[in-house]
Each structure stands twice: as structure tokens, then as C-alpha cells.
Amino acid sequence: MNSKELSEADADRLGDIDFPVSEENEEKAWAFLQTRTALLLRAYETSEEEDIELLKKEDMNIHERLAVQLRMCEKRILKATQTYAGERKASVKGDKSETAAA
């Protein structure tokens, strides 16, 4: 969609999550977010299970412990974001198939 095709009403809806620019754009955006969060999760050197084991150690100082806890929270946020993006992408695909079937 280019600026000539964009009506004033469409411009008002930009940024509103309930009114996508297009189904293709919506699907690509959620797919990008899902892929990006997966890549970010792979960048961590430890798994969530390894972080849990690290926290069981008693020889860690408070700064090390807080760093591991922060890393665990970051991973949980990324996993939740990845799941949400996947669900949104699937709902866009579902909307397409429902429209095609009608």
C-alpha cells in the first residue's frame, strides 16, 4: 500500500492493533517478531534450567544472583512474546482461511 492508496480514514486507523494495514502485512509483522524473539533466545549462553541450577549455588554473590534472575526474566518475557506472536500470526492465517471458505 502506498500513500496514494491510503485514504484519510485508513490513516486514522494506522497504529490501531485491531485494524491491520493488510492481512499480508499483519502476518509478516507477527512472523518477524516470532523469528526475532527466537533468535534473541538463542543468543543466551545458558538455558532456563541451567539458570535455575546456578541459583541453587550458595557461593554466588548478590550481584551474580541478580544477574541470573534478570536473565531468567528476560528469557521468560521473550518466550511469552514469541508465543503471543505465534498466536496472533495463526489468528491472521485463520481469518484468511475463514474468509476464503465463505
PDB file of N, CA and C in Angstrom:
ATOM      1  N   MET A   1       0.858  -1.171   0.000  1.00  0.00           N
ATOM      2  CA  MET A   1       0.000   0.000   0.000  1.00  0.00           C
ATOM      3  C   MET A   1       0.901   1.230   0.000  1.00  0.00           C
ATOM      4  N   ASN A   2       0.634   2.146  -0.904  1.00  0.00           N
ATOM      5  CA  ASN A   2       1.416   3.379  -0.934  1.00  0.00           C
ATOM      6  C   ASN A   2       0.555   4.547  -0.461  1.00  0.00           C
ATOM      7  N   SER A   3       1.157   5.713  -0.394  1.00  0.00           N
ATOM      8  CA  SER A   3       0.446   6.870   0.170  1.00  0.00           C
ATOM      9  C   SER A   3      -0.755   7.278  -0.672  1.00  0.00           C
ATOM     10  N   LYS A   4      -0.740   7.006  -1.975  1.00  0.00           N
ATOM     11  CA  LYS A   4      -1.876   7.348  -2.829  1.00  0.00           C
ATOM     12  C   LYS A   4      -3.081   6.466  -2.527  1.00  0.00           C
ATOM     13  N   GLU A   5      -2.799   5.215  -2.146  1.00  0.00           N
ATOM     14  CA  GLU A   5      -3.878   4.272  -1.853  1.00  0.00           C
ATOM     15  C   GLU A   5      -4.434   4.440  -0.442  1.00  0.00           C
ATOM     16  N   LEU A   6      -3.743   5.187   0.376  1.00  0.00           N
ATOM     17  CA  LEU A   6      -4.114   5.344   1.775  1.00  0.00           C
ATOM     18  C   LEU A   6      -5.132   6.470   1.919  1.00  0.00           C
ATOM     19  N   SER A   7      -6.344   6.119   2.296  1.00  0.00           N
ATOM     20  CA  SER A   7      -7.373   7.137   2.481  1.00  0.00           C
ATOM     21  C   SER A   7      -7.195   7.798   3.847  1.00  0.00           C
ATOM     22  N   GLU A   8      -7.916   8.872   4.048  1.00  0.00           N
ATOM     23  CA  GLU A   8      -7.837   9.584   5.333  1.00  0.00           C
ATOM     24  C   GLU A   8      -8.325   8.695   6.477  1.00  0.00           C
ATOM     25  N   ALA A   9      -9.371   7.922   6.226  1.00  0.00           N
ATOM     26  CA  ALA A   9      -9.898   7.014   7.255  1.00  0.00           C
ATOM     27  C   ALA A   9      -8.862   5.941   7.585  1.00  0.00           C
ATOM     28  N   ASP A  10      -8.184   5.424   6.559  1.00  0.00           N
ATOM     29  CA  ASP A  10      -7.140   4.428   6.782  1.00  0.00           C
ATOM     30  C   ASP A  10      -6.005   5.020   7.602  1.00  0.00           C
ATOM     31  N   ALA A  11      -5.651   6.255   7.322  1.00  0.00           N
ATOM     32  CA  ALA A  11      -4.561   6.916   8.042  1.00  0.00           C
ATOM     33  C   ALA A  11      -4.898   7.056   9.522  1.00  0.00           C
ATOM     34  N   ASP A  12      -6.155   7.291   9.831  1.00  0.00           N
ATOM     35  CA  ASP A  12      -6.577   7.418  11.224  1.00  0.00           C
ATOM     36  C   ASP A  12      -6.469   6.096  11.970  1.00  0.00           C
ATOM     37  N   ARG A  13      -6.603   4.987  11.229  1.00  0.00           N
ATOM     38  CA  ARG A  13      -6.557   3.671  11.863  1.00  0.00           C
ATOM     39  C   ARG A  13      -5.146   3.124  12.006  1.00  0.00           C
ATOM     40  N   LEU A  14      -4.165   3.718  11.342  1.00  0.00           N
ATOM     41  CA  LEU A  14      -2.796   3.223  11.458  1.00  0.00           C
ATOM     42  C   LEU A  14      -2.355   3.246  12.917  1.00  0.00           C
ATOM     43  N   GLY A  15      -1.749   2.191  13.350  1.00  0.00           N
ATOM     44  CA  GLY A  15      -1.312   2.097  14.735  1.00  0.00           C
ATOM     45  C   GLY A  15      -2.333   1.433  15.639  1.00  0.00           C
ATOM     46  N   ASP A  16      -3.539   1.215  15.131  1.00  0.00           N
ATOM     47  CA  ASP A  16      -4.578   0.536  15.905  1.00  0.00           C
ATOM     48  C   ASP A  16      -4.452  -0.959  15.648  1.00  0.00           C
ATOM     49  N   ILE A  17      -4.148  -1.714  16.691  1.00  0.00           N
ATOM     50  CA  ILE A  17      -3.878  -3.154  16.547  1.00  0.00           C
ATOM     51  C   ILE A  17      -5.086  -3.918  16.012  1.00  0.00           C
ATOM     52  N   ASP A  18      -6.275  -3.379  16.168  1.00  0.00           N
ATOM     53  CA  ASP A  18      -7.473  -4.064  15.702  1.00  0.00           C
ATOM     54  C   ASP A  18      -7.747  -3.853  14.208  1.00  0.00           C
ATOM     55  N   PHE A  19      -7.020  -2.943  13.568  1.00  0.00           N
ATOM     56  CA  PHE A  19      -7.211  -2.653  12.151  1.00  0.00           C
ATOM     57  C   PHE A  19      -5.871  -2.726  11.421  1.00  0.00           C
ATOM     58  N   PRO A  20      -5.486  -3.922  10.961  1.00  0.00           N
ATOM     59  CA  PRO A  20      -4.206  -4.059  10.270  1.00  0.00           C
ATOM     60  C   PRO A  20      -4.198  -3.332   8.924  1.00  0.00           C
ATOM     61  N   VAL A  21      -3.018  -2.947   8.471  1.00  0.00           N
ATOM     62  CA  VAL A  21      -2.869  -2.310   7.164  1.00  0.00           C
ATOM     63  C   VAL A  21      -3.341  -3.273   6.084  1.00  0.00           C
ATOM     64  N   SER A  22      -2.860  -4.515   6.174  1.00  0.00           N
ATOM     65  CA  SER A  22      -3.306  -5.576   5.278  1.00  0.00           C
ATOM     66  C   SER A  22      -3.059  -6.906   5.976  1.00  0.00           C
ATOM     67  N   GLU A  23      -3.716  -7.951   5.522  1.00  0.00           N
ATOM     68  CA  GLU A  23      -3.512  -9.265   6.136  1.00  0.00           C
ATOM     69  C   GLU A  23      -2.080  -9.740   5.921  1.00  0.00           C
ATOM     70  N   GLU A  24      -1.562  -9.487   4.734  1.00  0.00           N
ATOM     71  CA  GLU A  24      -0.182  -9.897   4.433  1.00  0.00           C
ATOM     72  C   GLU A  24       0.812  -9.180   5.338  1.00  0.00           C
ATOM     73  N   ASN A  25       0.621  -7.881   5.500  1.00  0.00           N
ATOM     74  CA  ASN A  25       1.498  -7.092   6.372  1.00  0.00           C
ATOM     75  C   ASN A  25       1.405  -7.577   7.810  1.00  0.00           C
ATOM     76  N   GLU A  26       0.198  -7.852   8.247  1.00  0.00           N
ATOM     77  CA  GLU A  26      -0.032  -8.322   9.620  1.00  0.00           C
ATOM     78  C   GLU A  26       0.686  -9.650   9.863  1.00  0.00           C
ATOM     79  N   GLU A  27       0.524 -10.569   8.926  1.00  0.00           N
ATOM     80  CA  GLU A  27       1.153 -11.885   9.065  1.00  0.00           C
ATOM     81  C   GLU A  27       2.686 -11.767   9.071  1.00  0.00           C
ATOM     82  N   LYS A  28       3.211 -10.931   8.194  1.00  0.00           N
ATOM     83  CA  LYS A  28       4.667 -10.751   8.124  1.00  0.00           C
ATOM     84  C   LYS A  28       5.213 -10.100   9.398  1.00  0.00           C
ATOM     85  N   ALA A  29       4.476  -9.155   9.952  1.00  0.00           N
ATOM     86  CA  ALA A  29       4.929  -8.479  11.170  1.00  0.00           C
ATOM     87  C   ALA A  29       5.002  -9.451  12.343  1.00  0.00           C
ATOM     88  N   TRP A  30       3.966 -10.281  12.506  1.00  0.00           N
ATOM     89  CA  TRP A  30       3.970 -11.252  13.605  1.00  0.00           C
ATOM     90  C   TRP A  30       5.017 -12.333  13.383  1.00  0.00           C
ATOM     91  N   ALA A  31       5.211 -12.729  12.125  1.00  0.00           N
ATOM     92  CA  ALA A  31       6.244 -13.730  11.819  1.00  0.00           C
ATOM     93  C   ALA A  31       7.633 -13.167  12.134  1.00  0.00           C
ATOM     94  N   PHE A  32       7.850 -11.896  11.793  1.00  0.00           N
ATOM     95  CA  PHE A  32       9.130 -11.259  12.097  1.00  0.00           C
ATOM     96  C   PHE A  32       9.383 -11.242  13.601  1.00  0.00           C
ATOM     97  N   LEU A  33       8.370 -10.833  14.364  1.00  0.00           N
ATOM     98  CA  LEU A  33       8.528 -10.767  15.817  1.00  0.00           C
ATOM     99  C   LEU A  33       8.794 -12.149  16.404  1.00  0.00           C
ATOM    100  N   GLN A  34       8.103 -13.149  15.895  1.00  0.00           N
ATOM    101  CA  GLN A  34       8.294 -14.515  16.375  1.00  0.00           C
ATOM    102  C   GLN A  34       9.720 -14.992  16.075  1.00  0.00           C
ATOM    103  N   THR A  35      10.194 -14.734  14.882  1.00  0.00           N
ATOM    104  CA  THR A  35      11.552 -15.131  14.494  1.00  0.00           C
ATOM    105  C   THR A  35      12.596 -14.360  15.283  1.00  0.00           C
ATOM    106  N   ARG A  36      12.388 -13.076  15.447  1.00  0.00           N
ATOM    107  CA  ARG A  36      13.357 -12.240  16.171  1.00  0.00           C
ATOM    108  C   ARG A  36      13.490 -12.672  17.634  1.00  0.00           C
ATOM    109  N   THR A  37      12.378 -12.981  18.276  1.00  0.00           N
ATOM    110  CA  THR A  37      12.469 -13.421  19.672  1.00  0.00           C
ATOM    111  C   THR A  37      13.168 -14.774  19.772  1.00  0.00           C
ATOM    112  N   ALA A  38      12.952 -15.639  18.794  1.00  0.00           N
ATOM    113  CA  ALA A  38      13.642 -16.938  18.785  1.00  0.00           C
ATOM    114  C   ALA A  38      15.149 -16.736  18.667  1.00  0.00           C
ATOM    115  N   LEU A  39      15.554 -15.819  17.806  1.00  0.00           N
ATOM    116  CA  LEU A  39      16.989 -15.533  17.649  1.00  0.00           C
ATOM    117  C   LEU A  39      17.585 -14.936  18.925  1.00  0.00           C
ATOM    118  N   LEU A  40      16.850 -14.057  19.551  1.00  0.00           N
ATOM    119  CA  LEU A  40      17.335 -13.451  20.798  1.00  0.00           C
ATOM    120  C   LEU A  40      17.478 -14.511  21.897  1.00  0.00           C
ATOM    121  N   LEU A  41      16.546 -15.441  21.959  1.00  0.00           N
ATOM    122  CA  LEU A  41      16.640 -16.510  22.959  1.00  0.00           C
ATOM    123  C   LEU A  41      17.859 -17.392  22.716  1.00  0.00           C
ATOM    124  N   ARG A  42      18.169 -17.643  21.457  1.00  0.00           N
ATOM    125  CA  ARG A  42      19.334 -18.479  21.144  1.00  0.00           C
ATOM    126  C   ARG A  42      20.654 -17.795  21.486  1.00  0.00           C
ATOM    127  N   ALA A  43      20.636 -16.487  21.603  1.00  0.00           N
ATOM    128  CA  ALA A  43      21.864 -15.739  21.900  1.00  0.00           C
ATOM    129  C   ALA A  43      22.333 -15.939  23.343  1.00  0.00           C
ATOM    130  N   TYR A  44      21.437 -16.388  24.222  1.00  0.00           N
ATOM    131  CA  TYR A  44      21.826 -16.624  25.612  1.00  0.00           C
ATOM    132  C   TYR A  44      22.691 -17.879  25.695  1.00  0.00           C
ATOM    133  N   GLU A  45      23.710 -17.809  26.511  1.00  0.00           N
ATOM    134  CA  GLU A  45      24.633 -18.940  26.648  1.00  0.00           C
ATOM    135  C   GLU A  45      24.083 -20.053  27.533  1.00  0.00           C
ATOM    136  N   THR A  46      23.107 -19.725  28.367  1.00  0.00           N
ATOM    137  CA  THR A  46      22.548 -20.721  29.292  1.00  0.00           C
ATOM    138  C   THR A  46      21.066 -20.906  29.027  1.00  0.00           C
ATOM    139  N   SER A  47      20.571 -22.079  29.371  1.00  0.00           N
ATOM    140  CA  SER A  47      19.137 -22.344  29.282  1.00  0.00           C
ATOM    141  C   SER A  47      18.482 -21.904  30.593  1.00  0.00           C
ATOM    142  N   GLU A  48      17.179 -21.906  30.600  1.00  0.00           N
ATOM    143  CA  GLU A  48      16.465 -21.544  31.825  1.00  0.00           C
ATOM    144  C   GLU A  48      16.749 -22.565  32.933  1.00  0.00           C
ATOM    145  N   GLU A  49      16.860 -23.830  32.547  1.00  0.00           N
ATOM    146  CA  GLU A  49      17.170 -24.886  33.516  1.00  0.00           C
ATOM    147  C   GLU A  49      18.564 -24.676  34.124  1.00  0.00           C
ATOM    148  N   GLU A  50      19.516 -24.293  33.294  1.00  0.00           N
ATOM    149  CA  GLU A  50      20.865 -24.024  33.802  1.00  0.00           C
ATOM    150  C   GLU A  50      20.872 -22.828  34.749  1.00  0.00           C
ATOM    151  N   ASP A  51      20.064 -21.822  34.441  1.00  0.00           N
ATOM    152  CA  ASP A  51      19.958 -20.659  35.334  1.00  0.00           C
ATOM    153  C   ASP A  51      19.374 -21.060  36.685  1.00  0.00           C
ATOM    154  N   ILE A  52      18.391 -21.934  36.662  1.00  0.00           N
ATOM    155  CA  ILE A  52      17.793 -22.414  37.919  1.00  0.00           C
ATOM    156  C   ILE A  52      18.849 -23.136  38.751  1.00  0.00           C
ATOM    157  N   GLU A  53      19.656 -23.961  38.091  1.00  0.00           N
ATOM    158  CA  GLU A  53      20.722 -24.673  38.798  1.00  0.00           C
ATOM    159  C   GLU A  53      21.759 -23.692  39.359  1.00  0.00           C
ATOM    160  N   LEU A  54      22.069 -22.649  38.608  1.00  0.00           N
ATOM    161  CA  LEU A  54      23.014 -21.637  39.098  1.00  0.00           C
ATOM    162  C   LEU A  54      22.493 -20.958  40.366  1.00  0.00           C
ATOM    163  N   LEU A  55      21.198 -20.698  40.383  1.00  0.00           N
ATOM    164  CA  LEU A  55      20.612 -20.031  41.551  1.00  0.00           C
ATOM    165  C   LEU A  55      20.623 -20.912  42.794  1.00  0.00           C
ATOM    166  N   LYS A  56      20.748 -22.212  42.613  1.00  0.00           N
ATOM    167  CA  LYS A  56      20.806 -23.120  43.759  1.00  0.00           C
ATOM    168  C   LYS A  56      22.170 -23.074  44.450  1.00  0.00           C
ATOM    169  N   LYS A  57      23.162 -22.571  43.736  1.00  0.00           N
ATOM    170  CA  LYS A  57      24.505 -22.465  44.325  1.00  0.00           C
ATOM    171  C   LYS A  57      24.502 -21.416  45.429  1.00  0.00           C
ATOM    172  N   GLU A  58      25.205 -21.727  46.478  1.00  0.00           N
ATOM    173  CA  GLU A  58      25.238 -20.793  47.598  1.00  0.00           C
ATOM    174  C   GLU A  58      26.474 -19.899  47.579  1.00  0.00           C
ATOM    175  N   ASP A  59      27.396 -20.147  46.661  1.00  0.00           N
ATOM    176  CA  ASP A  59      28.635 -19.366  46.637  1.00  0.00           C
ATOM    177  C   ASP A  59      28.550 -18.142  45.714  1.00  0.00           C
ATOM    178  N   MET A  60      27.353 -17.801  45.241  1.00  0.00           N
ATOM    179  CA  MET A  60      27.179 -16.629  44.375  1.00  0.00           C
ATOM    180  C   MET A  60      26.984 -15.378  45.225  1.00  0.00           C
ATOM    181  N   ASN A  61      27.591 -14.283  44.773  1.00  0.00           N
ATOM    182  CA  ASN A  61      27.333 -13.034  45.485  1.00  0.00           C
ATOM    183  C   ASN A  61      26.015 -12.441  44.984  1.00  0.00           C
ATOM    184  N   ILE A  62      25.552 -11.398  45.628  1.00  0.00           N
ATOM    185  CA  ILE A  62      24.238 -10.822  45.329  1.00  0.00           C
ATOM    186  C   ILE A  62      24.167 -10.311  43.894  1.00  0.00           C
ATOM    187  N   HIS A  63      25.252  -9.763  43.378  1.00  0.00           N
ATOM    188  CA  HIS A  63      25.262  -9.225  42.019  1.00  0.00           C
ATOM    189  C   HIS A  63      25.140 -10.338  40.971  1.00  0.00           C
ATOM    190  N   GLU A  64      25.838 -11.440  41.196  1.00  0.00           N
ATOM    191  CA  GLU A  64      25.740 -12.588  40.291  1.00  0.00           C
ATOM    192  C   GLU A  64      24.332 -13.169  40.311  1.00  0.00           C
ATOM    193  N   ARG A  65      23.786 -13.283  41.522  1.00  0.00           N
ATOM    194  CA  ARG A  65      22.444 -13.832  41.684  1.00  0.00           C
ATOM    195  C   ARG A  65      21.406 -12.946  40.973  1.00  0.00           C
ATOM    196  N   LEU A  66      21.519 -11.646  41.140  1.00  0.00           N
ATOM    197  CA  LEU A  66      20.592 -10.720  40.483  1.00  0.00           C
ATOM    198  C   LEU A  66      20.738 -10.761  38.967  1.00  0.00           C
ATOM    199  N   ALA A  67      21.959 -10.925  38.487  1.00  0.00           N
ATOM    200  CA  ALA A  67      22.191 -11.015  37.044  1.00  0.00           C
ATOM    201  C   ALA A  67      21.518 -12.259  36.460  1.00  0.00           C
ATOM    202  N   VAL A  68      21.604 -13.368  37.168  1.00  0.00           N
ATOM    203  CA  VAL A  68      20.962 -14.612  36.708  1.00  0.00           C
ATOM    204  C   VAL A  68      19.441 -14.454  36.747  1.00  0.00           C
ATOM    205  N   GLN A  69      18.927 -13.843  37.804  1.00  0.00           N
ATOM    206  CA  GLN A  69      17.483 -13.628  37.899  1.00  0.00           C
ATOM    207  C   GLN A  69      16.983 -12.721  36.773  1.00  0.00           C
ATOM    208  N   LEU A  70      17.738 -11.675  36.470  1.00  0.00           N
ATOM    209  CA  LEU A  70      17.378 -10.778  35.376  1.00  0.00           C
ATOM    210  C   LEU A  70      17.370 -11.533  34.049  1.00  0.00           C
ATOM    211  N   ARG A  71      18.393 -12.336  33.824  1.00  0.00           N
ATOM    212  CA  ARG A  71      18.488 -13.121  32.592  1.00  0.00           C
ATOM    213  C   ARG A  71      17.294 -14.065  32.472  1.00  0.00           C
ATOM    214  N   MET A  72      16.892 -14.682  33.569  1.00  0.00           N
ATOM    215  CA  MET A  72      15.732 -15.573  33.552  1.00  0.00           C
ATOM    216  C   MET A  72      14.456 -14.802  33.201  1.00  0.00           C
ATOM    217  N   CYS A  73      14.300 -13.631  33.767  1.00  0.00           N
ATOM    218  CA  CYS A  73      13.118 -12.811  33.468  1.00  0.00           C
ATOM    219  C   CYS A  73      13.102 -12.387  31.999  1.00  0.00           C
ATOM    220  N   GLU A  74      14.259 -12.016  31.477  1.00  0.00           N
ATOM    221  CA  GLU A  74      14.343 -11.648  30.061  1.00  0.00           C
ATOM    222  C   GLU A  74      13.916 -12.814  29.182  1.00  0.00           C
ATOM    223  N   LYS A  75      14.378 -14.005  29.513  1.00  0.00           N
ATOM    224  CA  LYS A  75      14.028 -15.192  28.726  1.00  0.00           C
ATOM    225  C   LYS A  75      12.535 -15.478  28.803  1.00  0.00           C
ATOM    226  N   ARG A  76      11.958 -15.310  29.958  1.00  0.00           N
ATOM    227  CA  ARG A  76      10.515 -15.558  30.116  1.00  0.00           C
ATOM    228  C   ARG A  76       9.704 -14.555  29.302  1.00  0.00           C
ATOM    229  N   ILE A  77      10.137 -13.309  29.298  1.00  0.00           N
ATOM    230  CA  ILE A  77       9.453 -12.277  28.506  1.00  0.00           C
ATOM    231  C   ILE A  77       9.565 -12.598  27.021  1.00  0.00           C
ATOM    232  N   LEU A  78      10.757 -12.985  26.580  1.00  0.00           N
ATOM    233  CA  LEU A  78      10.946 -13.335  25.174  1.00  0.00           C
ATOM    234  C   LEU A  78      10.114 -14.550  24.777  1.00  0.00           C
ATOM    235  N   LYS A  79      10.054 -15.560  25.639  1.00  0.00           N
ATOM    236  CA  LYS A  79       9.246 -16.749  25.344  1.00  0.00           C
ATOM    237  C   LYS A  79       7.764 -16.389  25.260  1.00  0.00           C
ATOM    238  N   ALA A  80       7.299 -15.562  26.178  1.00  0.00           N
ATOM    239  CA  ALA A  80       5.896 -15.147  26.162  1.00  0.00           C
ATOM    240  C   ALA A  80       5.594 -14.328  24.903  1.00  0.00           C
ATOM    241  N   THR A  81       6.514 -13.469  24.521  1.00  0.00           N
ATOM    242  CA  THR A  81       6.346 -12.666  23.312  1.00  0.00           C
ATOM    243  C   THR A  81       6.315 -13.558  22.079  1.00  0.00           C
ATOM    244  N   GLN A  82       7.193 -14.536  22.053  1.00  0.00           N
ATOM    245  CA  GLN A  82       7.241 -15.476  20.931  1.00  0.00           C
ATOM    246  C   GLN A  82       5.917 -16.246  20.816  1.00  0.00           C
ATOM    247  N   THR A  83       5.400 -16.695  21.926  1.00  0.00           N
ATOM    248  CA  THR A  83       4.124 -17.416  21.940  1.00  0.00           C
ATOM    249  C   THR A  83       2.989 -16.518  21.463  1.00  0.00           C
ATOM    250  N   TYR A  84       2.939 -15.301  21.980  1.00  0.00           N
ATOM    251  CA  TYR A  84       1.889 -14.356  21.605  1.00  0.00           C
ATOM    252  C   TYR A  84       1.952 -14.039  20.108  1.00  0.00           C
ATOM    253  N   ALA A  85       3.158 -13.812  19.599  1.00  0.00           N
ATOM    254  CA  ALA A  85       3.314 -13.511  18.174  1.00  0.00           C
ATOM    255  C   ALA A  85       2.844 -14.693  17.322  1.00  0.00           C
ATOM    256  N   GLY A  86       3.158 -15.891  17.768  1.00  0.00           N
ATOM    257  CA  GLY A  86       2.707 -17.079  17.047  1.00  0.00           C
ATOM    258  C   GLY A  86       1.191 -17.198  17.034  1.00  0.00           C
ATOM    259  N   GLU A  87       0.570 -16.889  18.161  1.00  0.00           N
ATOM    260  CA  GLU A  87      -0.890 -16.945  18.252  1.00  0.00           C
ATOM    261  C   GLU A  87      -1.536 -15.894  17.351  1.00  0.00           C
ATOM    262  N   ARG A  88      -0.971 -14.690  17.358  1.00  0.00           N
ATOM    263  CA  ARG A  88      -1.511 -13.622  16.512  1.00  0.00           C
ATOM    264  C   ARG A  88      -1.338 -13.957  15.034  1.00  0.00           C
ATOM    265  N   LYS A  89      -0.178 -14.513  14.683  1.00  0.00           N
ATOM    266  CA  LYS A  89       0.078 -14.906  13.292  1.00  0.00           C
ATOM    267  C   LYS A  89      -0.920 -15.989  12.876  1.00  0.00           C
ATOM    268  N   ALA A  90      -1.162 -16.946  13.742  1.00  0.00           N
ATOM    269  CA  ALA A  90      -2.112 -18.019  13.447  1.00  0.00           C
ATOM    270  C   ALA A  90      -3.529 -17.472  13.303  1.00  0.00           C
ATOM    271  N   SER A  91      -3.876 -16.474  14.116  1.00  0.00           N
ATOM    272  CA  SER A  91      -5.221 -15.905  14.016  1.00  0.00           C
ATOM    273  C   SER A  91      -5.393 -15.156  12.701  1.00  0.00           C
ATOM    274  N   VAL A  92      -4.343 -14.526  12.216  1.00  0.00           N
ATOM    275  CA  VAL A  92      -4.411 -13.846  10.910  1.00  0.00           C
ATOM    276  C   VAL A  92      -4.609 -14.877   9.815  1.00  0.00           C
ATOM    277  N   LYS A  93      -3.846 -15.981   9.888  1.00  0.00           N
ATOM    278  CA  LYS A  93      -4.000 -17.059   8.911  1.00  0.00           C
ATOM    279  C   LYS A  93      -5.385 -17.667   9.012  1.00  0.00           C
ATOM    280  N   GLY A  94      -5.884 -17.826  10.228  1.00  0.00           N
ATOM    281  CA  GLY A  94      -7.221 -18.363  10.432  1.00  0.00           C
ATOM    282  C   GLY A  94      -8.286 -17.470   9.845  1.00  0.00           C
ATOM    283  N   ASP A  95      -8.098 -16.160  10.011  1.00  0.00           N
ATOM    284  CA  ASP A  95      -9.053 -15.202   9.436  1.00  0.00           C
ATOM    285  C   ASP A  95      -9.057 -15.300   7.919  1.00  0.00           C
ATOM    286  N   LYS A  96      -7.870 -15.524   7.329  1.00  0.00           N
ATOM    287  CA  LYS A  96      -7.769 -15.642   5.870  1.00  0.00           C
ATOM    288  C   LYS A  96      -8.507 -16.880   5.375  1.00  0.00           C
ATOM    289  N   SER A  97      -8.295 -18.018   6.060  1.00  0.00           N
ATOM    290  CA  SER A  97      -8.921 -19.238   5.613  1.00  0.00           C
ATOM    291  C   SER A  97     -10.440 -19.206   5.825  1.00  0.00           C
ATOM    292  N   GLU A  98     -10.896 -18.517   6.863  1.00  0.00           N
ATOM    293  CA  GLU A  98     -12.330 -18.382   7.091  1.00  0.00           C
ATOM    294  C   GLU A  98     -12.949 -17.516   5.992  1.00  0.00           C
ATOM    295  N   THR A  99     -12.235 -16.454   5.589  1.00  0.00           N
ATOM    296  CA  THR A  99     -12.719 -15.570   4.535  1.00  0.00           C
ATOM    297  C   THR A  99     -12.771 -16.312   3.206  1.00  0.00           C
ATOM    298  N   ALA A 100     -11.744 -17.123   2.932  1.00  0.00           N
ATOM    299  CA  ALA A 100     -11.683 -17.871   1.681  1.00  0.00           C
ATOM    300  C   ALA A 100     -12.783 -18.932   1.624  1.00  0.00           C
ATOM    301  N   ALA A 101     -13.119 -19.513   2.769  1.00  0.00           N
ATOM    302  CA  ALA A 101     -14.128 -20.561   2.815  1.00  0.00           C
ATOM    303  C   ALA A 101     -15.543 -19.996   2.647  1.00  0.00           C
ATOM    304  N   ALA A 102     -15.715 -18.737   3.007  1.00  0.00           N
ATOM    305  CA  ALA A 102     -17.056 -18.120   2.947  1.00  0.00           C
ATOM    306  C   ALA A 102     -17.487 -17.762   1.551  1.00  0.00           C
TER     307      ALA A 102
END
